[in-house]
N, C-alpha and C. Protein backbone atom coordinates (compact mmCIF):
# COMPACT_ATOMS: atom_id res chain seq x y z
N MET A 1 2.72 10.38 13.66
CA MET A 1 1.77 10.57 12.59
C MET A 1 0.61 11.40 13.11
N THR A 2 0.47 12.58 12.55
CA THR A 2 -0.56 13.49 13.03
C THR A 2 -1.43 13.96 11.89
N LEU A 3 -2.61 14.45 12.26
CA LEU A 3 -3.50 15.04 11.28
C LEU A 3 -2.90 16.33 10.77
N ASN A 4 -3.15 16.66 9.53
CA ASN A 4 -2.51 17.79 8.88
C ASN A 4 -3.57 18.76 8.35
N ARG A 5 -4.55 19.09 9.16
CA ARG A 5 -5.65 19.94 8.71
C ARG A 5 -5.18 21.36 8.43
N GLY A 6 -5.45 21.81 7.20
CA GLY A 6 -5.21 23.20 6.85
C GLY A 6 -3.75 23.60 6.71
N GLN A 7 -2.83 22.70 6.93
CA GLN A 7 -1.43 23.02 6.78
C GLN A 7 -0.95 22.63 5.39
N ARG A 8 0.15 23.26 4.99
CA ARG A 8 0.78 22.84 3.73
C ARG A 8 1.33 21.45 3.91
N LEU A 9 1.38 20.72 2.81
CA LEU A 9 1.95 19.38 2.85
C LEU A 9 3.46 19.45 2.98
N ASP A 10 4.02 18.50 3.70
CA ASP A 10 5.47 18.41 3.77
C ASP A 10 5.98 17.99 2.39
N PRO A 11 7.24 18.28 2.07
CA PRO A 11 7.76 17.99 0.72
C PRO A 11 7.65 16.52 0.31
N LEU A 12 7.82 15.60 1.22
CA LEU A 12 7.72 14.18 0.90
C LEU A 12 6.29 13.80 0.49
N THR A 13 5.33 14.30 1.22
CA THR A 13 3.93 14.03 0.90
C THR A 13 3.50 14.80 -0.35
N GLN A 14 4.04 16.00 -0.54
CA GLN A 14 3.76 16.75 -1.78
C GLN A 14 4.22 15.95 -3.00
N ALA A 15 5.40 15.37 -2.92
CA ALA A 15 5.91 14.57 -4.03
C ALA A 15 4.99 13.38 -4.29
N THR A 16 4.54 12.74 -3.24
CA THR A 16 3.63 11.60 -3.37
C THR A 16 2.32 12.03 -4.02
N ALA A 17 1.76 13.14 -3.57
CA ALA A 17 0.50 13.63 -4.14
C ALA A 17 0.67 13.99 -5.62
N THR A 18 1.78 14.59 -5.96
CA THR A 18 2.04 14.95 -7.36
C THR A 18 2.08 13.70 -8.24
N ILE A 19 2.75 12.67 -7.77
CA ILE A 19 2.84 11.43 -8.53
C ILE A 19 1.46 10.80 -8.69
N ALA A 20 0.66 10.83 -7.63
CA ALA A 20 -0.70 10.28 -7.72
C ALA A 20 -1.51 11.05 -8.76
N TRP A 21 -1.40 12.37 -8.78
CA TRP A 21 -2.10 13.18 -9.79
C TRP A 21 -1.65 12.80 -11.20
N VAL A 22 -0.35 12.68 -11.40
CA VAL A 22 0.19 12.36 -12.72
C VAL A 22 -0.32 10.99 -13.20
N VAL A 23 -0.29 10.00 -12.31
CA VAL A 23 -0.78 8.67 -12.68
C VAL A 23 -2.27 8.73 -13.02
N ALA A 24 -3.06 9.37 -12.16
CA ALA A 24 -4.51 9.45 -12.38
C ALA A 24 -4.84 10.18 -13.67
N LEU A 25 -4.15 11.26 -13.95
CA LEU A 25 -4.45 12.05 -15.15
C LEU A 25 -3.96 11.37 -16.43
N ASN A 26 -3.03 10.44 -16.30
CA ASN A 26 -2.58 9.69 -17.47
C ASN A 26 -3.42 8.46 -17.76
N LYS A 27 -4.18 7.99 -16.79
CA LYS A 27 -5.00 6.79 -16.96
C LYS A 27 -5.92 6.87 -18.20
N PRO A 28 -6.61 7.97 -18.45
CA PRO A 28 -7.51 8.00 -19.61
C PRO A 28 -6.80 7.87 -20.96
N PHE A 29 -5.51 8.14 -21.00
CA PHE A 29 -4.78 8.05 -22.26
C PHE A 29 -4.36 6.63 -22.62
N TYR A 30 -4.31 5.75 -21.64
CA TYR A 30 -3.84 4.39 -21.89
C TYR A 30 -4.69 3.67 -22.94
N PRO A 31 -6.02 3.68 -22.85
CA PRO A 31 -6.81 3.04 -23.91
C PRO A 31 -6.56 3.66 -25.29
N VAL A 32 -6.26 4.94 -25.33
CA VAL A 32 -5.96 5.60 -26.61
C VAL A 32 -4.65 5.04 -27.17
N TYR A 33 -3.64 4.88 -26.30
CA TYR A 33 -2.37 4.30 -26.74
C TYR A 33 -2.59 2.88 -27.25
N VAL A 34 -3.39 2.10 -26.53
CA VAL A 34 -3.65 0.72 -26.95
C VAL A 34 -4.35 0.73 -28.31
N TRP A 35 -5.33 1.59 -28.47
CA TRP A 35 -6.04 1.69 -29.76
C TRP A 35 -5.08 2.05 -30.88
N TYR A 36 -4.27 3.08 -30.66
CA TYR A 36 -3.38 3.57 -31.71
C TYR A 36 -2.24 2.59 -32.01
N LEU A 37 -1.61 2.05 -30.99
CA LEU A 37 -0.42 1.23 -31.18
C LEU A 37 -0.73 -0.25 -31.42
N VAL A 38 -1.76 -0.76 -30.74
CA VAL A 38 -2.06 -2.18 -30.82
C VAL A 38 -3.22 -2.44 -31.77
N GLY A 39 -4.24 -1.59 -31.69
CA GLY A 39 -5.40 -1.74 -32.57
C GLY A 39 -6.45 -2.71 -32.06
N ASN A 40 -6.15 -3.45 -31.05
CA ASN A 40 -7.06 -4.44 -30.49
C ASN A 40 -7.04 -4.29 -28.97
N GLY A 41 -8.12 -4.70 -28.32
CA GLY A 41 -8.13 -4.70 -26.86
C GLY A 41 -8.49 -3.38 -26.24
N VAL A 42 -9.06 -2.48 -27.02
CA VAL A 42 -9.42 -1.16 -26.48
C VAL A 42 -10.46 -1.30 -25.38
N VAL A 43 -11.47 -2.12 -25.61
CA VAL A 43 -12.51 -2.30 -24.59
C VAL A 43 -11.90 -2.88 -23.32
N ALA A 44 -11.03 -3.87 -23.46
CA ALA A 44 -10.36 -4.43 -22.28
C ALA A 44 -9.51 -3.37 -21.58
N SER A 45 -8.85 -2.52 -22.36
CA SER A 45 -7.98 -1.51 -21.75
C SER A 45 -8.76 -0.45 -20.99
N LEU A 46 -10.06 -0.33 -21.25
CA LEU A 46 -10.88 0.60 -20.47
C LEU A 46 -10.94 0.19 -19.00
N GLY A 47 -10.70 -1.09 -18.73
CA GLY A 47 -10.66 -1.57 -17.35
C GLY A 47 -9.57 -0.91 -16.53
N THR A 48 -8.54 -0.41 -17.19
CA THR A 48 -7.46 0.26 -16.46
C THR A 48 -7.93 1.54 -15.79
N LEU A 49 -9.06 2.07 -16.25
CA LEU A 49 -9.60 3.31 -15.67
C LEU A 49 -10.22 3.10 -14.29
N LEU A 50 -10.48 1.84 -13.94
CA LEU A 50 -11.12 1.55 -12.65
C LEU A 50 -10.30 2.03 -11.46
N SER A 51 -8.99 2.09 -11.61
CA SER A 51 -8.14 2.52 -10.49
C SER A 51 -7.98 4.03 -10.40
N ALA A 52 -8.37 4.76 -11.42
CA ALA A 52 -8.18 6.22 -11.42
C ALA A 52 -8.76 6.90 -10.18
N PRO A 53 -9.98 6.56 -9.74
CA PRO A 53 -10.51 7.23 -8.53
C PRO A 53 -9.65 6.98 -7.28
N PHE A 54 -9.03 5.81 -7.21
CA PHE A 54 -8.17 5.52 -6.05
C PHE A 54 -6.91 6.38 -6.07
N PHE A 55 -6.33 6.55 -7.26
CA PHE A 55 -5.17 7.45 -7.37
C PHE A 55 -5.59 8.90 -7.10
N LEU A 56 -6.78 9.29 -7.58
CA LEU A 56 -7.27 10.66 -7.34
C LEU A 56 -7.55 10.93 -5.86
N ALA A 57 -7.88 9.90 -5.11
CA ALA A 57 -8.16 10.07 -3.68
C ALA A 57 -6.90 10.37 -2.87
N ILE A 58 -5.75 9.96 -3.35
CA ILE A 58 -4.51 10.08 -2.58
C ILE A 58 -4.16 11.53 -2.24
N PRO A 59 -4.23 12.50 -3.17
CA PRO A 59 -3.93 13.88 -2.78
C PRO A 59 -4.90 14.42 -1.73
N PHE A 60 -6.13 13.95 -1.73
CA PHE A 60 -7.09 14.40 -0.73
C PHE A 60 -6.83 13.74 0.62
N ILE A 61 -6.42 12.49 0.60
CA ILE A 61 -6.01 11.82 1.84
C ILE A 61 -4.79 12.53 2.43
N ALA A 62 -3.90 12.99 1.56
CA ALA A 62 -2.66 13.64 2.00
C ALA A 62 -2.93 14.88 2.85
N ARG A 63 -4.00 15.57 2.57
CA ARG A 63 -4.33 16.79 3.33
C ARG A 63 -4.71 16.47 4.78
N ARG A 64 -5.31 15.30 4.97
CA ARG A 64 -5.78 14.93 6.31
C ARG A 64 -4.76 14.09 7.08
N PHE A 65 -4.10 13.19 6.36
CA PHE A 65 -3.22 12.23 7.03
C PHE A 65 -2.08 11.86 6.09
N PRO A 66 -1.03 12.69 6.05
CA PRO A 66 0.07 12.49 5.10
C PRO A 66 0.67 11.08 5.07
N PRO A 67 0.91 10.45 6.23
CA PRO A 67 1.49 9.09 6.13
C PRO A 67 0.57 8.11 5.40
N ALA A 68 -0.73 8.26 5.57
CA ALA A 68 -1.67 7.36 4.88
C ALA A 68 -1.58 7.53 3.37
N ALA A 69 -1.36 8.74 2.91
CA ALA A 69 -1.22 8.98 1.47
C ALA A 69 0.06 8.33 0.95
N ARG A 70 1.13 8.42 1.74
CA ARG A 70 2.39 7.82 1.31
C ARG A 70 2.34 6.29 1.34
N ILE A 71 1.47 5.74 2.17
CA ILE A 71 1.22 4.30 2.17
C ILE A 71 0.30 3.93 1.01
N ALA A 72 -0.70 4.76 0.78
CA ALA A 72 -1.72 4.45 -0.23
C ALA A 72 -1.17 4.42 -1.65
N LEU A 73 -0.24 5.29 -1.98
CA LEU A 73 0.24 5.34 -3.37
C LEU A 73 0.86 4.02 -3.81
N PRO A 74 1.85 3.47 -3.10
CA PRO A 74 2.35 2.18 -3.56
C PRO A 74 1.31 1.06 -3.42
N LEU A 75 0.45 1.14 -2.42
CA LEU A 75 -0.58 0.12 -2.22
C LEU A 75 -1.56 0.08 -3.39
N VAL A 76 -2.04 1.24 -3.80
CA VAL A 76 -2.93 1.31 -4.96
C VAL A 76 -2.18 0.83 -6.20
N GLY A 77 -0.92 1.22 -6.33
CA GLY A 77 -0.12 0.79 -7.47
C GLY A 77 0.05 -0.72 -7.52
N ILE A 78 0.24 -1.34 -6.38
CA ILE A 78 0.42 -2.79 -6.32
C ILE A 78 -0.83 -3.49 -6.86
N PHE A 79 -1.99 -3.10 -6.35
CA PHE A 79 -3.21 -3.80 -6.74
C PHE A 79 -3.67 -3.41 -8.14
N ASP A 80 -3.35 -2.20 -8.58
CA ASP A 80 -3.61 -1.81 -9.96
C ASP A 80 -2.76 -2.65 -10.91
N THR A 81 -1.51 -2.85 -10.56
CA THR A 81 -0.62 -3.66 -11.39
C THR A 81 -1.09 -5.12 -11.43
N LEU A 82 -1.51 -5.65 -10.31
CA LEU A 82 -2.01 -7.02 -10.27
C LEU A 82 -3.26 -7.16 -11.16
N PHE A 83 -4.18 -6.21 -11.04
CA PHE A 83 -5.40 -6.25 -11.86
C PHE A 83 -5.06 -6.16 -13.35
N GLU A 84 -4.19 -5.25 -13.71
CA GLU A 84 -3.85 -5.09 -15.13
C GLU A 84 -3.08 -6.30 -15.66
N THR A 85 -2.32 -6.97 -14.81
CA THR A 85 -1.64 -8.19 -15.23
C THR A 85 -2.66 -9.29 -15.48
N LYS A 86 -3.68 -9.38 -14.64
CA LYS A 86 -4.75 -10.36 -14.88
C LYS A 86 -5.51 -10.00 -16.15
N LEU A 87 -5.73 -8.73 -16.37
CA LEU A 87 -6.47 -8.26 -17.54
C LEU A 87 -5.72 -8.56 -18.84
N PHE A 88 -4.42 -8.26 -18.88
CA PHE A 88 -3.64 -8.35 -20.12
C PHE A 88 -2.71 -9.55 -20.19
N GLY A 89 -2.39 -10.15 -19.06
CA GLY A 89 -1.45 -11.28 -19.06
C GLY A 89 -0.04 -10.83 -18.73
N SER A 90 0.76 -11.76 -18.21
CA SER A 90 2.12 -11.39 -17.79
C SER A 90 3.02 -11.08 -18.98
N GLY A 91 2.68 -11.56 -20.16
CA GLY A 91 3.47 -11.25 -21.34
C GLY A 91 3.31 -9.82 -21.83
N SER A 92 2.36 -9.09 -21.25
CA SER A 92 2.09 -7.71 -21.67
C SER A 92 3.06 -6.69 -21.09
N GLY A 93 3.83 -7.10 -20.09
CA GLY A 93 4.77 -6.17 -19.47
C GLY A 93 4.19 -5.37 -18.33
N THR A 94 2.93 -5.62 -17.98
CA THR A 94 2.34 -4.84 -16.88
C THR A 94 3.02 -5.13 -15.55
N GLU A 95 3.58 -6.33 -15.39
CA GLU A 95 4.27 -6.64 -14.13
C GLU A 95 5.48 -5.75 -13.90
N LEU A 96 5.98 -5.13 -14.95
CA LEU A 96 7.10 -4.20 -14.78
C LEU A 96 6.73 -3.04 -13.86
N PHE A 97 5.44 -2.72 -13.75
CA PHE A 97 5.01 -1.65 -12.85
C PHE A 97 5.28 -1.97 -11.38
N PHE A 98 5.50 -3.26 -11.06
CA PHE A 98 5.91 -3.58 -9.69
C PHE A 98 7.24 -2.92 -9.35
N ALA A 99 8.10 -2.73 -10.34
CA ALA A 99 9.38 -2.04 -10.10
C ALA A 99 9.13 -0.59 -9.68
N ALA A 100 8.16 0.06 -10.32
CA ALA A 100 7.81 1.43 -9.92
C ALA A 100 7.23 1.44 -8.50
N CYS A 101 6.47 0.42 -8.15
CA CYS A 101 5.93 0.33 -6.79
C CYS A 101 7.05 0.20 -5.77
N ILE A 102 8.04 -0.62 -6.07
CA ILE A 102 9.19 -0.77 -5.16
C ILE A 102 9.94 0.56 -5.04
N MET A 103 10.06 1.27 -6.15
CA MET A 103 10.74 2.56 -6.12
C MET A 103 9.97 3.55 -5.23
N LEU A 104 8.65 3.55 -5.33
CA LEU A 104 7.83 4.41 -4.46
C LEU A 104 8.01 4.04 -3.00
N VAL A 105 8.03 2.75 -2.70
CA VAL A 105 8.24 2.30 -1.32
C VAL A 105 9.60 2.76 -0.82
N THR A 106 10.57 2.74 -1.68
CA THR A 106 11.92 3.15 -1.29
C THR A 106 12.01 4.63 -0.99
N LEU A 107 11.30 5.45 -1.76
CA LEU A 107 11.47 6.91 -1.68
C LEU A 107 10.44 7.65 -0.84
N ALA A 108 9.29 7.06 -0.56
CA ALA A 108 8.18 7.80 0.03
C ALA A 108 8.17 7.86 1.55
N PHE A 109 9.13 7.24 2.19
CA PHE A 109 9.06 7.15 3.65
C PHE A 109 10.29 7.72 4.34
N ARG A 110 10.07 8.13 5.58
CA ARG A 110 11.15 8.64 6.42
C ARG A 110 11.82 7.46 7.14
N PRO A 111 13.02 7.68 7.66
CA PRO A 111 13.70 6.58 8.37
C PRO A 111 12.90 5.99 9.53
N ASP A 112 12.11 6.82 10.22
CA ASP A 112 11.32 6.28 11.33
C ASP A 112 10.07 5.53 10.86
N GLU A 113 9.86 5.47 9.56
CA GLU A 113 8.73 4.72 8.99
C GLU A 113 9.21 3.46 8.28
N LYS A 114 10.36 2.96 8.70
CA LYS A 114 10.98 1.82 8.00
C LYS A 114 10.12 0.57 8.05
N TRP A 115 9.29 0.41 9.07
CA TRP A 115 8.44 -0.79 9.13
C TRP A 115 7.35 -0.74 8.07
N TRP A 116 6.87 0.46 7.75
CA TRP A 116 5.93 0.58 6.63
C TRP A 116 6.63 0.21 5.33
N GLN A 117 7.86 0.70 5.18
CA GLN A 117 8.64 0.35 3.99
C GLN A 117 8.82 -1.15 3.87
N ARG A 118 9.22 -1.75 4.94
CA ARG A 118 9.49 -3.19 4.92
C ARG A 118 8.22 -3.97 4.60
N ALA A 119 7.12 -3.61 5.24
CA ALA A 119 5.85 -4.31 5.00
C ALA A 119 5.39 -4.15 3.56
N LEU A 120 5.46 -2.93 3.04
CA LEU A 120 5.04 -2.70 1.66
C LEU A 120 5.98 -3.36 0.66
N ASP A 121 7.27 -3.35 0.95
CA ASP A 121 8.23 -4.02 0.08
C ASP A 121 7.93 -5.52 0.03
N ALA A 122 7.67 -6.12 1.19
CA ALA A 122 7.32 -7.54 1.24
C ALA A 122 6.01 -7.79 0.50
N LEU A 123 5.07 -6.87 0.61
CA LEU A 123 3.80 -7.03 -0.10
C LEU A 123 4.00 -6.97 -1.62
N VAL A 124 4.81 -6.02 -2.09
CA VAL A 124 5.10 -5.94 -3.53
C VAL A 124 5.68 -7.26 -4.00
N PHE A 125 6.64 -7.78 -3.27
CA PHE A 125 7.29 -9.02 -3.67
C PHE A 125 6.30 -10.19 -3.64
N ALA A 126 5.49 -10.27 -2.59
CA ALA A 126 4.52 -11.37 -2.48
C ALA A 126 3.49 -11.31 -3.60
N VAL A 127 3.00 -10.11 -3.90
CA VAL A 127 2.01 -9.98 -4.97
C VAL A 127 2.65 -10.28 -6.33
N LEU A 128 3.89 -9.88 -6.53
CA LEU A 128 4.59 -10.23 -7.77
C LEU A 128 4.72 -11.75 -7.90
N MET A 129 5.10 -12.43 -6.82
CA MET A 129 5.23 -13.89 -6.87
C MET A 129 3.86 -14.54 -7.13
N PHE A 130 2.83 -14.00 -6.49
CA PHE A 130 1.47 -14.50 -6.75
C PHE A 130 1.12 -14.31 -8.22
N SER A 131 1.40 -13.14 -8.73
CA SER A 131 1.11 -12.82 -10.13
C SER A 131 1.83 -13.78 -11.08
N ARG A 132 3.08 -14.04 -10.80
CA ARG A 132 3.88 -14.92 -11.66
C ARG A 132 3.43 -16.38 -11.57
N SER A 133 2.90 -16.77 -10.43
CA SER A 133 2.62 -18.19 -10.20
C SER A 133 1.15 -18.60 -10.29
N PHE A 134 0.25 -17.71 -9.90
CA PHE A 134 -1.14 -18.14 -9.72
C PHE A 134 -2.19 -17.30 -10.45
N ILE A 135 -1.81 -16.32 -11.21
CA ILE A 135 -2.80 -15.39 -11.76
C ILE A 135 -3.68 -16.02 -12.85
N GLY A 136 -3.19 -17.04 -13.49
CA GLY A 136 -3.98 -17.72 -14.52
C GLY A 136 -3.97 -16.98 -15.84
N PRO A 137 -4.82 -17.43 -16.75
CA PRO A 137 -4.83 -16.81 -18.09
C PRO A 137 -5.39 -15.39 -18.05
N PRO A 138 -4.97 -14.56 -19.00
CA PRO A 138 -5.46 -13.17 -19.03
C PRO A 138 -6.94 -13.12 -19.40
N LEU A 139 -7.57 -12.03 -19.01
CA LEU A 139 -8.98 -11.81 -19.36
C LEU A 139 -9.13 -11.45 -20.84
N HIS A 140 -8.08 -10.89 -21.42
CA HIS A 140 -8.09 -10.57 -22.85
C HIS A 140 -6.92 -11.28 -23.50
N VAL A 141 -7.21 -11.98 -24.58
CA VAL A 141 -6.16 -12.73 -25.28
C VAL A 141 -5.63 -11.88 -26.43
N TRP A 142 -4.32 -11.83 -26.55
CA TRP A 142 -3.64 -11.02 -27.56
C TRP A 142 -2.92 -11.92 -28.54
N ALA A 143 -2.80 -11.47 -29.77
CA ALA A 143 -1.92 -12.11 -30.75
C ALA A 143 -0.48 -11.80 -30.35
N ASP A 144 0.47 -12.61 -30.81
CA ASP A 144 1.87 -12.41 -30.44
C ASP A 144 2.39 -11.02 -30.81
N ALA A 145 2.06 -10.54 -31.98
CA ALA A 145 2.53 -9.21 -32.41
C ALA A 145 1.92 -8.12 -31.53
N GLU A 146 0.64 -8.28 -31.16
CA GLU A 146 -0.02 -7.30 -30.28
C GLU A 146 0.62 -7.31 -28.90
N LEU A 147 0.92 -8.50 -28.41
CA LEU A 147 1.55 -8.63 -27.09
C LEU A 147 2.92 -7.98 -27.08
N HIS A 148 3.66 -8.13 -28.17
CA HIS A 148 4.98 -7.50 -28.29
C HIS A 148 4.85 -5.97 -28.24
N THR A 149 3.89 -5.44 -28.97
CA THR A 149 3.67 -3.99 -28.96
C THR A 149 3.22 -3.51 -27.58
N LEU A 150 2.33 -4.27 -26.95
CA LEU A 150 1.85 -3.91 -25.62
C LEU A 150 2.99 -3.96 -24.60
N PHE A 151 3.86 -4.96 -24.71
CA PHE A 151 5.02 -5.04 -23.83
C PHE A 151 5.89 -3.80 -23.99
N ASN A 152 6.15 -3.40 -25.23
CA ASN A 152 6.97 -2.21 -25.48
C ASN A 152 6.30 -0.96 -24.92
N LEU A 153 4.98 -0.84 -25.10
CA LEU A 153 4.24 0.30 -24.55
C LEU A 153 4.39 0.34 -23.03
N ASN A 154 4.20 -0.79 -22.37
CA ASN A 154 4.29 -0.82 -20.91
C ASN A 154 5.71 -0.61 -20.41
N ALA A 155 6.69 -1.14 -21.12
CA ALA A 155 8.08 -0.92 -20.72
C ALA A 155 8.43 0.57 -20.80
N PHE A 156 7.98 1.23 -21.86
CA PHE A 156 8.21 2.67 -21.99
C PHE A 156 7.47 3.43 -20.89
N ALA A 157 6.22 3.03 -20.59
CA ALA A 157 5.44 3.70 -19.54
C ALA A 157 6.11 3.54 -18.18
N VAL A 158 6.61 2.36 -17.88
CA VAL A 158 7.28 2.14 -16.60
C VAL A 158 8.56 2.98 -16.52
N ALA A 159 9.34 2.98 -17.57
CA ALA A 159 10.57 3.78 -17.58
C ALA A 159 10.25 5.27 -17.39
N SER A 160 9.22 5.75 -18.06
CA SER A 160 8.82 7.15 -17.93
C SER A 160 8.36 7.45 -16.50
N LEU A 161 7.54 6.57 -15.94
CA LEU A 161 7.06 6.77 -14.58
C LEU A 161 8.22 6.76 -13.58
N MET A 162 9.12 5.82 -13.73
CA MET A 162 10.25 5.75 -12.79
C MET A 162 11.17 6.97 -12.92
N ALA A 163 11.36 7.46 -14.13
CA ALA A 163 12.15 8.68 -14.30
C ALA A 163 11.46 9.86 -13.63
N PHE A 164 10.13 9.96 -13.80
CA PHE A 164 9.40 11.04 -13.16
C PHE A 164 9.46 10.93 -11.63
N VAL A 165 9.29 9.72 -11.11
CA VAL A 165 9.36 9.51 -9.66
C VAL A 165 10.74 9.93 -9.14
N ALA A 166 11.79 9.52 -9.83
CA ALA A 166 13.15 9.88 -9.41
C ALA A 166 13.35 11.39 -9.41
N LEU A 167 12.86 12.04 -10.46
CA LEU A 167 13.00 13.50 -10.54
C LEU A 167 12.18 14.20 -9.46
N ARG A 168 10.98 13.70 -9.20
CA ARG A 168 10.10 14.37 -8.23
C ARG A 168 10.60 14.22 -6.80
N TYR A 169 11.15 13.07 -6.47
CA TYR A 169 11.66 12.86 -5.11
C TYR A 169 13.10 13.35 -4.92
N ALA A 170 13.77 13.72 -6.00
CA ALA A 170 15.16 14.16 -5.91
C ALA A 170 15.29 15.35 -4.96
N GLY A 171 16.16 15.22 -4.01
CA GLY A 171 16.43 16.31 -3.08
C GLY A 171 15.42 16.48 -1.97
N VAL A 172 14.39 15.64 -1.93
CA VAL A 172 13.39 15.76 -0.87
C VAL A 172 13.95 15.16 0.42
N GLU A 173 13.91 15.96 1.48
CA GLU A 173 14.45 15.52 2.76
C GLU A 173 13.56 14.46 3.38
N ARG A 174 14.19 13.40 3.88
CA ARG A 174 13.46 12.30 4.50
C ARG A 174 13.85 12.09 5.96
N ASP A 175 14.69 12.93 6.49
CA ASP A 175 15.25 12.69 7.81
C ASP A 175 14.27 12.88 8.96
N ARG A 176 13.36 13.80 8.83
CA ARG A 176 12.48 14.08 9.96
C ARG A 176 11.18 14.67 9.45
N GLU A 177 10.19 14.66 10.32
CA GLU A 177 8.91 15.28 10.00
C GLU A 177 9.06 16.80 10.21
N PRO A 178 8.52 17.61 9.29
CA PRO A 178 8.68 19.06 9.43
C PRO A 178 7.90 19.60 10.63
N THR A 179 8.42 20.66 11.21
CA THR A 179 7.71 21.32 12.29
C THR A 179 7.00 22.54 11.72
N THR A 180 6.20 23.19 12.53
CA THR A 180 5.49 24.38 12.09
C THR A 180 6.46 25.47 11.68
N LEU A 181 7.59 25.57 12.37
CA LEU A 181 8.59 26.60 12.03
C LEU A 181 9.19 26.37 10.66
N ASP A 182 9.34 25.10 10.24
CA ASP A 182 9.90 24.78 8.95
C ASP A 182 9.00 25.25 7.81
N GLU A 183 7.72 25.35 8.05
CA GLU A 183 6.76 25.70 7.01
C GLU A 183 6.64 27.19 6.77
N SER A 184 7.16 28.00 7.67
CA SER A 184 7.03 29.45 7.48
C SER A 184 8.17 30.04 6.72
């Protein structure tokens, strides 16, 4: 793991940075979707914007320390998902985003970084179990019909994100770290 000052990002880190940009730039639209589709909980849904700066920081971290960016993306996703589950409740479908976090852990690392994968995978699972068992009541209470709509919104968002992640990482080499000759 080396500093990457002034060099182009390797394809694996480029994919990670792209996904972080897409997530961050979509964050402001979530309260609009909640307003339009659910009609209630718009103020609560503004809380989802709190993680946007963390997602925005990942492409900048990638320029200096690519492995840290590839660790940061699923890590930020894990804690963003936990926060949103506390905010909306487990019936809202926000816990489905843990699946996207596992997918990122699976795709964002090279074979020699398997211990990072294993640690982050265990963390996703532990946080999911914590969320299912100990998170308590949501900060915003929804009517059953609203919760159903919110679940559908989040299920669609997770499916869209996972499809984008799969497309973005498709064909990206994970076997080795690029050398200077590979970049020219």
